[in-house]
């Protein structure tokens, strides 16, 4: 596990805390948002794989 320090500008503090109101903690909300963004970034990269250079994933057992 890595430790990351996030500095939140004062102008975003209220909106971020309001968005995280249903989360167990502000930290948990931020971690969840980062994980979602990482998943979206990976999906975009996978979608950008050229059809002619497609990966041969037959038999890998995973599906998107």
PDB file of N, CA and C in Angstrom:
ATOM      1  N   UNK A   1       0.847  -1.169   0.000  1.00  0.00           N
ATOM      2  CA  UNK A   1       0.000   0.000   0.000  1.00  0.00           C
ATOM      3  C   UNK A   1       0.890   1.227   0.000  1.00  0.00           C
ATOM      4  N   UNK A   2       0.472   2.238  -0.732  1.00  0.00           N
ATOM      5  CA  UNK A   2       1.205   3.496  -0.802  1.00  0.00           C
ATOM      6  C   UNK A   2       0.434   4.586  -0.074  1.00  0.00           C
ATOM      7  N   UNK A   3       1.171   5.507   0.455  1.00  0.00           N
ATOM      8  CA  UNK A   3       0.560   6.655   1.121  1.00  0.00           C
ATOM      9  C   UNK A   3       0.589   7.819   0.142  1.00  0.00           C
ATOM     10  N   UNK A   4      -0.552   8.483  -0.005  1.00  0.00           N
ATOM     11  CA  UNK A   4      -0.661   9.620  -0.901  1.00  0.00           C
ATOM     12  C   UNK A   4      -1.273  10.775  -0.117  1.00  0.00           C
ATOM     13  N   UNK A   5      -0.692  11.941  -0.260  1.00  0.00           N
ATOM     14  CA  UNK A   5      -1.239  13.133   0.367  1.00  0.00           C
ATOM     15  C   UNK A   5      -1.939  13.951  -0.703  1.00  0.00           C
ATOM     16  N   UNK A   6      -3.195  14.257  -0.474  1.00  0.00           N
ATOM     17  CA  UNK A   6      -3.974  15.046  -1.425  1.00  0.00           C
ATOM     18  C   UNK A   6      -4.282  16.390  -0.790  1.00  0.00           C
ATOM     19  N   UNK A   7      -3.913  17.436  -1.481  1.00  0.00           N
ATOM     20  CA  UNK A   7      -4.221  18.780  -1.002  1.00  0.00           C
ATOM     21  C   UNK A   7      -5.471  19.260  -1.730  1.00  0.00           C
ATOM     22  N   UNK A   8      -6.501  19.534  -0.978  1.00  0.00           N
ATOM     23  CA  UNK A   8      -7.784  19.951  -1.545  1.00  0.00           C
ATOM     24  C   UNK A   8      -7.901  21.464  -1.402  1.00  0.00           C
ATOM     25  N   UNK A   9      -8.063  22.153  -2.527  1.00  0.00           N
ATOM     26  CA  UNK A   9      -8.221  23.608  -2.440  1.00  0.00           C
ATOM     27  C   UNK A   9      -9.459  23.958  -1.608  1.00  0.00           C
ATOM     28  N   UNK A  10      -9.373  25.058  -0.881  1.00  0.00           N
ATOM     29  CA  UNK A  10     -10.493  25.498  -0.044  1.00  0.00           C
ATOM     30  C   UNK A  10     -11.786  25.637  -0.841  1.00  0.00           C
ATOM     31  N   UNK A  11     -11.664  26.030  -2.096  1.00  0.00           N
ATOM     32  CA  UNK A  11     -12.856  26.231  -2.932  1.00  0.00           C
ATOM     33  C   UNK A  11     -13.568  24.921  -3.250  1.00  0.00           C
ATOM     34  N   UNK A  12     -12.878  23.800  -3.153  1.00  0.00           N
ATOM     35  CA  UNK A  12     -13.482  22.498  -3.442  1.00  0.00           C
ATOM     36  C   UNK A  12     -13.893  21.744  -2.190  1.00  0.00           C
ATOM     37  N   UNK A  13     -13.466  22.202  -1.047  1.00  0.00           N
ATOM     38  CA  UNK A  13     -13.680  21.460   0.197  1.00  0.00           C
ATOM     39  C   UNK A  13     -15.161  21.175   0.469  1.00  0.00           C
ATOM     40  N   UNK A  14     -15.982  22.189   0.431  1.00  0.00           N
ATOM     41  CA  UNK A  14     -17.408  22.014   0.754  1.00  0.00           C
ATOM     42  C   UNK A  14     -18.085  21.057  -0.235  1.00  0.00           C
ATOM     43  N   UNK A  15     -17.846  21.257  -1.533  1.00  0.00           N
ATOM     44  CA  UNK A  15     -18.474  20.408  -2.553  1.00  0.00           C
ATOM     45  C   UNK A  15     -18.015  18.957  -2.426  1.00  0.00           C
ATOM     46  N   UNK A  16     -16.740  18.754  -2.138  1.00  0.00           N
ATOM     47  CA  UNK A  16     -16.213  17.397  -1.997  1.00  0.00           C
ATOM     48  C   UNK A  16     -16.795  16.715  -0.768  1.00  0.00           C
ATOM     49  N   UNK A  17     -16.853  17.420   0.326  1.00  0.00           N
ATOM     50  CA  UNK A  17     -17.436  16.838   1.541  1.00  0.00           C
ATOM     51  C   UNK A  17     -18.926  16.540   1.362  1.00  0.00           C
ATOM     52  N   UNK A  18     -19.628  17.392   0.634  1.00  0.00           N
ATOM     53  CA  UNK A  18     -21.046  17.147   0.363  1.00  0.00           C
ATOM     54  C   UNK A  18     -21.218  15.904  -0.510  1.00  0.00           C
ATOM     55  N   UNK A  19     -20.364  15.747  -1.507  1.00  0.00           N
ATOM     56  CA  UNK A  19     -20.440  14.583  -2.384  1.00  0.00           C
ATOM     57  C   UNK A  19     -20.131  13.300  -1.619  1.00  0.00           C
ATOM     58  N   UNK A  20     -19.272  13.395  -0.622  1.00  0.00           N
ATOM     59  CA  UNK A  20     -18.851  12.221   0.155  1.00  0.00           C
ATOM     60  C   UNK A  20     -19.728  11.982   1.381  1.00  0.00           C
ATOM     61  N   UNK A  21     -20.837  12.673   1.491  1.00  0.00           N
ATOM     62  CA  UNK A  21     -21.668  12.588   2.690  1.00  0.00           C
ATOM     63  C   UNK A  21     -22.143  11.172   2.995  1.00  0.00           C
ATOM     64  N   UNK A  22     -22.412  10.376   1.982  1.00  0.00           N
ATOM     65  CA  UNK A  22     -22.901   9.005   2.197  1.00  0.00           C
ATOM     66  C   UNK A  22     -21.782   7.983   2.333  1.00  0.00           C
ATOM     67  N   UNK A  23     -20.555   8.398   2.116  1.00  0.00           N
ATOM     68  CA  UNK A  23     -19.408   7.494   2.217  1.00  0.00           C
ATOM     69  C   UNK A  23     -19.008   7.334   3.680  1.00  0.00           C
ATOM     70  N   UNK A  24     -18.346   6.221   4.002  1.00  0.00           N
ATOM     71  CA  UNK A  24     -17.897   6.019   5.380  1.00  0.00           C
ATOM     72  C   UNK A  24     -16.943   7.123   5.861  1.00  0.00           C
ATOM     73  N   UNK A  25     -16.150   7.660   4.924  1.00  0.00           N
ATOM     74  CA  UNK A  25     -15.231   8.745   5.253  1.00  0.00           C
ATOM     75  C   UNK A  25     -14.853   9.471   3.966  1.00  0.00           C
ATOM     76  N   UNK A  26     -14.307  10.655   4.110  1.00  0.00           N
ATOM     77  CA  UNK A  26     -13.834  11.404   2.943  1.00  0.00           C
ATOM     78  C   UNK A  26     -12.722  10.632   2.251  1.00  0.00           C
ATOM     79  N   UNK A  27     -11.850  10.021   3.037  1.00  0.00           N
ATOM     80  CA  UNK A  27     -10.761   9.236   2.473  1.00  0.00           C
ATOM     81  C   UNK A  27     -11.303   8.067   1.639  1.00  0.00           C
ATOM     82  N   UNK A  28     -12.294   7.364   2.154  1.00  0.00           N
ATOM     83  CA  UNK A  28     -12.880   6.239   1.422  1.00  0.00           C
ATOM     84  C   UNK A  28     -13.494   6.710   0.109  1.00  0.00           C
ATOM     85  N   UNK A  29     -14.136   7.863   0.131  1.00  0.00           N
ATOM     86  CA  UNK A  29     -14.744   8.417  -1.074  1.00  0.00           C
ATOM     87  C   UNK A  29     -13.681   8.718  -2.128  1.00  0.00           C
ATOM     88  N   UNK A  30     -12.578   9.334  -1.706  1.00  0.00           N
ATOM     89  CA  UNK A  30     -11.499   9.687  -2.634  1.00  0.00           C
ATOM     90  C   UNK A  30     -10.861   8.427  -3.211  1.00  0.00           C
ATOM     91  N   UNK A  31     -10.621   7.418  -2.381  1.00  0.00           N
ATOM     92  CA  UNK A  31     -10.037   6.166  -2.863  1.00  0.00           C
ATOM     93  C   UNK A  31     -10.960   5.521  -3.884  1.00  0.00           C
ATOM     94  N   UNK A  32     -12.248   5.509  -3.631  1.00  0.00           N
ATOM     95  CA  UNK A  32     -13.209   4.926  -4.569  1.00  0.00           C
ATOM     96  C   UNK A  32     -13.198   5.696  -5.896  1.00  0.00           C
ATOM     97  N   UNK A  33     -13.130   7.004  -5.832  1.00  0.00           N
ATOM     98  CA  UNK A  33     -13.096   7.817  -7.048  1.00  0.00           C
ATOM     99  C   UNK A  33     -11.834   7.548  -7.852  1.00  0.00           C
ATOM    100  N   UNK A  34     -10.716   7.395  -7.185  1.00  0.00           N
ATOM    101  CA  UNK A  34      -9.457   7.103  -7.872  1.00  0.00           C
ATOM    102  C   UNK A  34      -9.525   5.732  -8.539  1.00  0.00           C
ATOM    103  N   UNK A  35     -10.072   4.741  -7.845  1.00  0.00           N
ATOM    104  CA  UNK A  35     -10.201   3.404  -8.432  1.00  0.00           C
ATOM    105  C   UNK A  35     -11.085   3.428  -9.677  1.00  0.00           C
ATOM    106  N   UNK A  36     -12.193   4.156  -9.604  1.00  0.00           N
ATOM    107  CA  UNK A  36     -13.070   4.266 -10.773  1.00  0.00           C
ATOM    108  C   UNK A  36     -12.336   4.894 -11.946  1.00  0.00           C
ATOM    109  N   UNK A  37     -11.588   5.958 -11.668  1.00  0.00           N
ATOM    110  CA  UNK A  37     -10.873   6.638 -12.740  1.00  0.00           C
ATOM    111  C   UNK A  37      -9.805   5.734 -13.341  1.00  0.00           C
ATOM    112  N   UNK A  38      -9.125   4.957 -12.521  1.00  0.00           N
ATOM    113  CA  UNK A  38      -8.119   4.026 -13.031  1.00  0.00           C
ATOM    114  C   UNK A  38      -8.764   2.981 -13.934  1.00  0.00           C
ATOM    115  N   UNK A  39      -9.945   2.495 -13.551  1.00  0.00           N
ATOM    116  CA  UNK A  39     -10.662   1.514 -14.362  1.00  0.00           C
ATOM    117  C   UNK A  39     -11.071   2.124 -15.696  1.00  0.00           C
ATOM    118  N   UNK A  40     -11.593   3.352 -15.667  1.00  0.00           N
ATOM    119  CA  UNK A  40     -11.972   4.014 -16.905  1.00  0.00           C
ATOM    120  C   UNK A  40     -10.774   4.256 -17.812  1.00  0.00           C
ATOM    121  N   UNK A  41      -9.653   4.671 -17.231  1.00  0.00           N
ATOM    122  CA  UNK A  41      -8.441   4.892 -18.021  1.00  0.00           C
ATOM    123  C   UNK A  41      -7.976   3.597 -18.683  1.00  0.00           C
ATOM    124  N   UNK A  42      -7.997   2.502 -17.928  1.00  0.00           N
ATOM    125  CA  UNK A  42      -7.586   1.208 -18.485  1.00  0.00           C
ATOM    126  C   UNK A  42      -8.533   0.770 -19.595  1.00  0.00           C
ATOM    127  N   UNK A  43      -9.828   0.995 -19.419  1.00  0.00           N
ATOM    128  CA  UNK A  43     -10.807   0.627 -20.447  1.00  0.00           C
ATOM    129  C   UNK A  43     -10.594   1.444 -21.714  1.00  0.00           C
ATOM    130  N   UNK A  44     -10.286   2.723 -21.571  1.00  0.00           N
ATOM    131  CA  UNK A  44     -10.022   3.567 -22.748  1.00  0.00           C
ATOM    132  C   UNK A  44      -8.786   3.083 -23.499  1.00  0.00           C
ATOM    133  N   UNK A  45      -7.757   2.716 -22.759  1.00  0.00           N
ATOM    134  CA  UNK A  45      -6.536   2.214 -23.405  1.00  0.00           C
ATOM    135  C   UNK A  45      -6.816   0.902 -24.125  1.00  0.00           C
ATOM    136  N   UNK A  46      -7.574   0.026 -23.506  1.00  0.00           N
ATOM    137  CA  UNK A  46      -7.913  -1.246 -24.128  1.00  0.00           C
ATOM    138  C   UNK A  46      -8.768  -1.023 -25.372  1.00  0.00           C
ATOM    139  N   UNK A  47      -9.704  -0.083 -25.305  1.00  0.00           N
ATOM    140  CA  UNK A  47     -10.563   0.203 -26.453  1.00  0.00           C
ATOM    141  C   UNK A  47      -9.775   0.809 -27.606  1.00  0.00           C
ATOM    142  N   UNK A  48      -8.658   1.448 -27.294  1.00  0.00           N
ATOM    143  CA  UNK A  48      -7.850   2.084 -28.327  1.00  0.00           C
ATOM    144  C   UNK A  48      -6.905   1.118 -29.029  1.00  0.00           C
ATOM    145  N   UNK A  49      -6.847  -0.123 -28.568  1.00  0.00           N
ATOM    146  CA  UNK A  49      -5.968  -1.100 -29.208  1.00  0.00           C
ATOM    147  C   UNK A  49      -6.422  -1.271 -30.651  1.00  0.00           C
ATOM    148  N   UNK A  50      -5.506  -1.110 -31.564  1.00  0.00           N
ATOM    149  CA  UNK A  50      -5.811  -1.217 -32.990  1.00  0.00           C
ATOM    150  C   UNK A  50      -6.362  -2.603 -33.306  1.00  0.00           C
ATOM    151  N   UNK A  51      -7.422  -2.632 -34.102  1.00  0.00           N
ATOM    152  CA  UNK A  51      -8.079  -3.902 -34.436  1.00  0.00           C
ATOM    153  C   UNK A  51      -7.116  -4.867 -35.107  1.00  0.00           C
ATOM    154  N   UNK A  52      -6.155  -4.372 -35.853  1.00  0.00           N
ATOM    155  CA  UNK A  52      -5.218  -5.258 -36.541  1.00  0.00           C
ATOM    156  C   UNK A  52      -4.127  -5.764 -35.601  1.00  0.00           C
ATOM    157  N   UNK A  53      -3.960  -5.090 -34.494  1.00  0.00           N
ATOM    158  CA  UNK A  53      -2.974  -5.523 -33.507  1.00  0.00           C
ATOM    159  C   UNK A  53      -3.697  -6.051 -32.278  1.00  0.00           C
ATOM    160  N   UNK A  54      -4.888  -6.591 -32.515  1.00  0.00           N
ATOM    161  CA  UNK A  54      -5.723  -7.045 -31.403  1.00  0.00           C
ATOM    162  C   UNK A  54      -5.015  -8.126 -30.595  1.00  0.00           C
ATOM    163  N   UNK A  55      -5.295  -8.126 -29.320  1.00  0.00           N
ATOM    164  CA  UNK A  55      -4.702  -9.118 -28.443  1.00  0.00           C
ATOM    165  C   UNK A  55      -5.447 -10.443 -28.582  1.00  0.00           C
ATOM    166  N   UNK A  56      -4.713 -11.529 -28.593  1.00  0.00           N
ATOM    167  CA  UNK A  56      -5.329 -12.851 -28.653  1.00  0.00           C
ATOM    168  C   UNK A  56      -5.582 -13.302 -27.229  1.00  0.00           C
ATOM    169  N   UNK A  57      -6.823 -13.137 -26.775  1.00  0.00           N
ATOM    170  CA  UNK A  57      -7.160 -13.471 -25.399  1.00  0.00           C
ATOM    171  C   UNK A  57      -8.002 -14.731 -25.301  1.00  0.00           C
ATOM    172  N   UNK A  58      -8.123 -15.475 -26.397  1.00  0.00           N
ATOM    173  CA  UNK A  58      -8.906 -16.710 -26.349  1.00  0.00           C
ATOM    174  C   UNK A  58      -8.343 -17.643 -25.288  1.00  0.00           C
ATOM    175  N   UNK A  59      -9.226 -18.170 -24.480  1.00  0.00           N
ATOM    176  CA  UNK A  59      -8.826 -19.118 -23.456  1.00  0.00           C
ATOM    177  C   UNK A  59      -8.331 -18.492 -22.179  1.00  0.00           C
ATOM    178  N   UNK A  60      -8.340 -17.191 -22.087  1.00  0.00           N
ATOM    179  CA  UNK A  60      -7.846 -16.529 -20.880  1.00  0.00           C
ATOM    180  C   UNK A  60      -8.851 -16.627 -19.731  1.00  0.00           C
ATOM    181  N   UNK A  61     -10.126 -16.792 -20.065  1.00  0.00           N
ATOM    182  CA  UNK A  61     -11.131 -16.961 -19.027  1.00  0.00           C
ATOM    183  C   UNK A  61     -11.728 -15.684 -18.476  1.00  0.00           C
ATOM    184  N   UNK A  62     -11.296 -14.544 -18.941  1.00  0.00           N
ATOM    185  CA  UNK A  62     -11.834 -13.272 -18.473  1.00  0.00           C
ATOM    186  C   UNK A  62     -12.700 -12.662 -19.564  1.00  0.00           C
ATOM    187  N   UNK A  63     -13.716 -11.944 -19.170  1.00  0.00           N
ATOM    188  CA  UNK A  63     -14.584 -11.275 -20.124  1.00  0.00           C
ATOM    189  C   UNK A  63     -14.866  -9.859 -19.635  1.00  0.00           C
ATOM    190  N   UNK A  64     -14.983  -8.957 -20.569  1.00  0.00           N
ATOM    191  CA  UNK A  64     -15.330  -7.575 -20.226  1.00  0.00           C
ATOM    192  C   UNK A  64     -16.805  -7.389 -20.411  1.00  0.00           C
TER     193      UNK A  64
END
